[in-house]
Amino acid sequence: MAGIPIQRELQVRRSLRAWFDPRGRGVGLVGFAFNRISGLALLLYLLLHLMVLSSLTMGVGAWETFLQVARSPFFLGLDAALMAAVLYHGLNGVRATLVGLGILTGTHKTMFWIVIVASALLWVGAVYLMLFVF
């Protein structure tokens, strides 16, 4: 009977490892984990977004209060983080699809770094637009 808790613990460890690293690869692990984390961040944002939209039912005063908070540097930083998550999640999803379809065979590590650089460059442009244009 003492072996059952140990076996369950090993199963939990394996499942957690599989969640982050389904294939046991280095760069693939990082890409996969970042994709999961960014996906969870986007889900959290969606839930918060729906909560904010519900404040429209509370009248103009509640909406104006929200707009004041949303224009604070803290929330602008959260918007920049959201943009980074959207860009990375989208571009890495395309990379993962191409690897999964066998279109990118043997170059998926290079493509991962291309996704990182492209996400960073697009993010810098997006943050510039958010801060100085809009």
Foldseek 3Di string as FASTA:
>chain_A
DVVVVVVVVVVVVVVVCCQQPVPPDDLVSVLSNLLVVLVVVVVVVVVVVVVLVVLVVVDDVSVVVVVVVCPDPVNLVVVLVNLLSVQLNVQSVVLVVCVVVVVDPPCSSVSNVVSVVVSVVVSVVVSCCVPPPD
